[in-house]
Amino acid sequence: MEWLITRTIAAMLEPLGIVIIILVIATAVAWWRPLAAWRPVVLALIVLYILSTQYVADHLLWWLEPAYRDPAADKSGQTIVVLGGGTYFSAPEYGADTVRAPVLARLRYAAHLHRALGKPVFASGGAPEGNPVPEAQLMRHVLQQDFRVAEVWTEEASRNTFENALRSGEILKPAGIQKIYLVTHAWHMRRARIAFEHAGFTVIPAPTGFATQYKLTVLDFLPDARALQDSGVFFREGVGIGWYYLRSLVGRWRRGG
């Protein structure tokens, strides 16, 4: 239930949710003052257009993404922690659940680092929707079968990024693991790093899936559903970063420091 409530609130803070809220306000205004309703309608159209262009979406994501530094240049990490990002349920081509396409990018990079560093891989992800197979198990299967990573540990109880960090700590810290390579999307790295540092880890960022661009064309200024989705990532992450900072500060305050 908590996961569903959180996702609902997050959806209303993304571009389509914002536009819907503006249009609801426009409807209310039209009920009482029909001639004044055009203003919020025009505002909704402007917001929708701007946030659905790839030019704006890319620039928003760039604000989130850290500068790239090769994590393999630092050999001091003890394990490679890769975060989940959703389940592809009842995949007909595989005859079972598997990981969603964005997770494959994270797993591929984790396998790349594994080959470069020779460190074990730790997959973190539970089943927030109540599905019988935790995401970490699906991630381990893909890493072993498709990327030939033999040694994969799992954490299977977390429902979000903050819990990824806390539950991973419950498993890794008793094993003496304090310094990790953290693999997730570049736009997600800032929030993930806050969570894992709050959990007591020393983090070597290992981001993947940067918002890169070949060249600027007129298509970057035309409305596009993928661009609207990317803009939504920015708003969701912005709210999440603020919330995680707050949770981290409250946690330190409770611990007396």
Protein backbone atom coordinates (compact mmCIF):
# COMPACT_ATOMS: atom_id res chain seq x y z
CA MET A 1 0.00 0.00 0.00
CA GLU A 2 2.81 2.42 0.89
CA TRP A 3 4.47 1.74 -2.47
CA LEU A 4 1.19 2.40 -4.32
CA ILE A 5 0.58 5.67 -2.45
CA THR A 6 4.14 6.84 -3.13
CA ARG A 7 3.87 6.05 -6.85
CA THR A 8 0.50 7.86 -7.08
CA ILE A 9 1.91 11.00 -5.48
CA ALA A 10 4.97 10.84 -7.73
CA ALA A 11 2.75 10.52 -10.82
CA MET A 12 0.89 13.70 -9.93
CA LEU A 13 4.21 15.58 -9.65
CA GLU A 14 5.30 14.56 -13.15
CA PRO A 15 4.50 16.56 -16.34
CA LEU A 16 1.21 14.86 -17.20
CA GLY A 17 0.08 15.07 -13.60
CA ILE A 18 0.96 18.78 -13.49
CA VAL A 19 -0.92 19.41 -16.75
CA ILE A 20 -3.96 17.51 -15.45
CA ILE A 21 -3.95 19.60 -12.27
CA ILE A 22 -3.80 22.80 -14.35
CA LEU A 23 -6.70 21.60 -16.53
CA VAL A 24 -8.75 20.73 -13.44
CA ILE A 25 -8.17 24.28 -12.23
CA ALA A 26 -9.20 25.55 -15.69
CA THR A 27 -12.42 23.55 -15.46
CA ALA A 28 -13.19 25.04 -12.05
CA VAL A 29 -12.46 28.54 -13.32
CA ALA A 30 -14.66 27.97 -16.38
CA TRP A 31 -17.54 26.99 -14.12
CA TRP A 32 -17.49 30.35 -12.38
CA ARG A 33 -15.79 32.63 -14.93
CA PRO A 34 -15.93 31.12 -18.44
CA LEU A 35 -13.99 33.94 -20.12
CA ALA A 36 -11.04 33.56 -17.73
CA ALA A 37 -10.62 29.80 -18.25
CA TRP A 38 -8.44 30.21 -21.34
CA ARG A 39 -5.44 31.31 -19.27
CA PRO A 40 -4.80 28.03 -17.41
CA VAL A 41 -5.62 26.09 -20.61
CA VAL A 42 -2.94 28.00 -22.52
CA LEU A 43 -0.53 27.50 -19.62
CA ALA A 44 -1.18 23.75 -19.70
CA LEU A 45 -0.50 23.61 -23.45
CA ILE A 46 2.74 25.58 -23.07
CA VAL A 47 3.97 23.37 -20.22
CA LEU A 48 3.04 20.22 -22.13
CA TYR A 49 4.82 21.36 -25.29
CA ILE A 50 8.02 22.50 -23.55
CA LEU A 51 8.39 19.34 -21.48
CA SER A 52 7.66 17.07 -24.46
CA THR A 53 10.63 18.32 -26.52
CA GLN A 54 13.84 16.29 -26.40
CA TYR A 55 15.93 19.48 -26.24
CA VAL A 56 14.38 20.45 -22.89
CA ALA A 57 14.22 16.87 -21.60
CA ASP A 58 17.94 16.29 -22.26
CA HIS A 59 18.92 19.52 -20.50
CA LEU A 60 16.80 18.58 -17.49
CA LEU A 61 18.47 15.17 -17.26
CA TRP A 62 21.92 16.73 -17.59
CA TRP A 63 21.24 18.67 -14.39
CA LEU A 64 20.77 15.36 -12.59
CA GLU A 65 23.67 13.42 -14.09
CA PRO A 66 27.10 13.42 -12.44
CA ALA A 67 30.26 14.09 -14.42
CA TYR A 68 31.55 10.77 -15.69
CA ARG A 69 34.63 9.30 -14.00
CA ASP A 70 35.77 5.79 -14.79
CA PRO A 71 34.91 3.74 -11.67
CA ALA A 72 37.32 1.00 -12.76
CA ALA A 73 40.20 3.42 -12.15
CA ASP A 74 39.54 2.97 -8.42
CA LYS A 75 40.39 -0.59 -7.41
CA SER A 76 39.48 -0.16 -3.74
CA GLY A 77 35.79 -1.09 -3.98
CA GLN A 78 34.80 -4.45 -2.55
CA THR A 79 31.69 -5.35 -4.54
CA ILE A 80 29.53 -4.08 -7.40
CA VAL A 81 26.00 -3.21 -6.27
CA VAL A 82 23.47 -2.95 -9.12
CA LEU A 83 19.98 -1.62 -8.50
CA GLY A 84 16.75 -2.95 -9.98
CA GLY A 85 14.27 -0.87 -11.92
CA GLY A 86 11.14 -2.92 -12.54
CA THR A 87 9.87 -6.30 -13.68
CA TYR A 88 8.65 -7.27 -17.16
CA PHE A 89 5.76 -9.45 -16.08
CA SER A 90 4.72 -12.60 -17.97
CA ALA A 91 7.08 -11.92 -20.89
CA PRO A 92 5.58 -14.09 -23.67
CA GLU A 93 8.88 -14.47 -25.52
CA TYR A 94 10.54 -15.90 -22.40
CA GLY A 95 7.53 -17.64 -20.90
CA ALA A 96 8.13 -16.08 -17.48
CA ASP A 97 8.84 -12.82 -15.67
CA THR A 98 12.12 -11.09 -16.46
CA VAL A 99 13.74 -7.69 -15.96
CA ARG A 100 12.56 -4.57 -17.78
CA ALA A 101 14.65 -3.15 -20.62
CA PRO A 102 16.22 -0.30 -18.58
CA VAL A 103 17.47 -2.82 -16.02
CA LEU A 104 19.37 -4.62 -18.77
CA ALA A 105 21.51 -1.51 -19.27
CA ARG A 106 22.45 -1.58 -15.58
CA LEU A 107 23.16 -5.31 -15.62
CA ARG A 108 25.29 -5.01 -18.74
CA TYR A 109 27.41 -2.30 -17.13
CA ALA A 110 27.70 -4.27 -13.88
CA ALA A 111 28.94 -7.25 -15.90
CA HIS A 112 31.39 -4.97 -17.71
CA LEU A 113 32.79 -3.76 -14.38
CA HIS A 114 32.91 -7.32 -13.09
CA ARG A 115 35.13 -8.32 -15.99
CA ALA A 116 37.31 -5.22 -15.57
CA LEU A 117 37.70 -5.46 -11.79
CA GLY A 118 37.09 -9.09 -10.88
CA LYS A 119 34.74 -8.03 -8.06
CA PRO A 120 31.56 -9.89 -7.11
CA VAL A 121 28.17 -8.49 -8.15
CA PHE A 122 25.33 -7.81 -5.72
CA ALA A 123 21.80 -7.37 -7.17
CA SER A 124 19.29 -5.40 -5.09
CA GLY A 125 15.54 -5.39 -5.68
CA GLY A 126 12.45 -6.85 -4.04
CA ALA A 127 8.83 -7.29 -5.10
CA PRO A 128 6.97 -4.04 -4.28
CA GLU A 129 3.88 -5.14 -6.25
CA GLY A 130 3.65 -8.41 -4.34
CA ASN A 131 4.82 -10.58 -7.23
CA PRO A 132 6.13 -14.03 -6.23
CA VAL A 133 9.64 -13.64 -7.70
CA PRO A 134 11.76 -10.73 -6.35
CA GLU A 135 13.48 -8.63 -8.96
CA ALA A 136 16.94 -9.48 -7.61
CA GLN A 137 16.36 -13.15 -8.50
CA LEU A 138 15.50 -12.16 -12.08
CA MET A 139 18.58 -9.94 -12.20
CA ARG A 140 20.79 -12.76 -10.97
CA HIS A 141 19.38 -15.08 -13.65
CA VAL A 142 20.13 -12.56 -16.41
CA LEU A 143 23.63 -11.87 -15.09
CA GLN A 144 24.45 -15.57 -14.91
CA GLN A 145 22.75 -16.79 -18.07
CA ASP A 146 23.17 -13.84 -20.45
CA PHE A 147 26.28 -12.05 -19.15
CA ARG A 148 28.16 -15.06 -17.73
CA VAL A 149 28.70 -13.56 -14.27
CA ALA A 150 29.11 -16.57 -12.00
CA GLU A 151 29.18 -14.91 -8.57
CA VAL A 152 26.00 -12.91 -7.83
CA TRP A 153 24.66 -12.07 -4.38
CA THR A 154 21.11 -10.80 -3.91
CA GLU A 155 18.99 -8.62 -1.65
CA GLU A 156 15.31 -9.41 -2.21
CA ALA A 157 13.29 -7.40 0.34
CA SER A 158 13.57 -3.76 -0.76
CA ARG A 159 10.70 -1.77 -2.29
CA ASN A 160 12.51 1.44 -3.27
CA THR A 161 15.97 2.98 -3.52
CA PHE A 162 16.16 3.94 0.15
CA GLU A 163 15.37 0.36 1.14
CA ASN A 164 17.86 -0.91 -1.47
CA ALA A 165 20.52 0.77 0.63
CA LEU A 166 19.25 -0.27 4.06
CA ARG A 167 18.60 -3.91 3.14
CA SER A 168 21.89 -4.18 1.27
CA GLY A 169 23.65 -2.94 4.39
CA GLU A 170 22.05 -5.69 6.45
CA ILE A 171 23.69 -8.27 4.19
CA LEU A 172 26.96 -6.66 3.13
CA LYS A 173 28.15 -5.03 6.33
CA PRO A 174 28.26 -8.27 8.37
CA ALA A 175 30.44 -9.60 5.55
CA GLY A 176 32.85 -6.69 6.09
CA ILE A 177 31.88 -4.85 2.90
CA GLN A 178 31.94 -1.08 3.33
CA LYS A 179 33.08 0.36 0.00
CA ILE A 180 30.99 -0.37 -3.08
CA TYR A 181 30.71 0.38 -6.77
CA LEU A 182 27.12 1.59 -7.21
CA VAL A 183 25.56 0.87 -10.61
CA THR A 184 22.38 2.64 -11.67
CA HIS A 185 21.27 5.09 -14.34
CA ALA A 186 23.10 8.41 -14.41
CA TRP A 187 19.91 10.36 -13.70
CA HIS A 188 19.26 8.15 -10.65
CA MET A 189 22.78 8.25 -9.22
CA ARG A 190 22.42 11.33 -7.02
CA ARG A 191 19.41 9.96 -5.14
CA ALA A 192 20.88 6.46 -4.93
CA ARG A 193 24.16 7.79 -3.57
CA ILE A 194 22.36 9.75 -0.85
CA ALA A 195 20.58 6.57 0.22
CA PHE A 196 23.67 4.36 0.28
CA GLU A 197 25.86 6.92 2.04
CA HIS A 198 23.10 7.36 4.61
CA ALA A 199 23.24 3.58 5.09
CA GLY A 200 26.94 3.88 5.91
CA PHE A 201 28.57 2.85 2.64
CA THR A 202 31.47 4.54 0.89
CA VAL A 203 30.23 4.87 -2.68
CA ILE A 204 32.20 4.76 -5.92
CA PRO A 205 29.62 5.99 -8.47
CA ALA A 206 29.26 3.76 -11.53
CA PRO A 207 26.50 5.44 -13.57
CA THR A 208 25.26 4.23 -16.93
CA GLY A 209 22.62 5.31 -19.47
CA PHE A 210 23.65 8.95 -19.84
CA ALA A 211 21.47 11.32 -21.89
CA THR A 212 23.83 11.71 -24.84
CA GLN A 213 23.13 13.43 -28.14
CA TYR A 214 24.51 12.93 -31.64
CA LYS A 215 23.53 16.30 -33.08
CA LEU A 216 20.82 18.91 -32.64
CA THR A 217 18.04 18.81 -35.25
CA VAL A 218 14.54 20.20 -35.68
CA LEU A 219 13.23 16.91 -34.26
CA ASP A 220 14.59 17.91 -30.86
CA PHE A 221 12.00 20.71 -30.77
CA LEU A 222 8.98 18.64 -31.80
CA PRO A 223 6.68 16.99 -29.24
CA ASP A 224 7.72 13.44 -28.47
CA ALA A 225 6.35 10.92 -25.98
CA ARG A 226 9.83 9.69 -25.00
CA ALA A 227 10.92 13.25 -24.24
CA LEU A 228 7.87 13.73 -22.02
CA GLN A 229 8.85 10.57 -20.17
CA ASP A 230 12.41 11.86 -19.73
CA SER A 231 11.09 15.16 -18.36
CA GLY A 232 9.01 13.13 -15.94
CA VAL A 233 12.17 11.43 -14.73
CA PHE A 234 13.62 14.84 -13.86
CA PHE A 235 10.61 15.87 -11.77
CA ARG A 236 10.38 12.50 -10.03
CA GLU A 237 14.08 12.48 -9.22
CA GLY A 238 14.04 16.10 -8.07
CA VAL A 239 11.31 15.34 -5.55
CA GLY A 240 13.04 12.11 -4.55
CA ILE A 241 16.39 13.81 -3.98
CA GLY A 242 14.78 16.39 -1.72
CA TRP A 243 12.92 13.70 0.21
CA TYR A 244 16.02 11.55 0.62
CA TYR A 245 18.08 14.50 1.83
CA LEU A 246 15.38 15.17 4.42
CA ARG A 247 15.26 11.53 5.53
CA SER A 248 19.04 11.46 5.79
CA LEU A 249 19.13 14.65 7.89
CA VAL A 250 16.41 13.36 10.21
CA GLY A 251 18.30 10.08 10.58
CA ARG A 252 21.52 11.87 11.54
CA TRP A 253 19.62 14.10 13.97
CA ARG A 254 18.08 11.05 15.68
CA ARG A 255 21.51 9.49 16.00
CA GLY A 256 22.74 12.67 17.63
CA GLY A 257 25.07 13.86 14.92
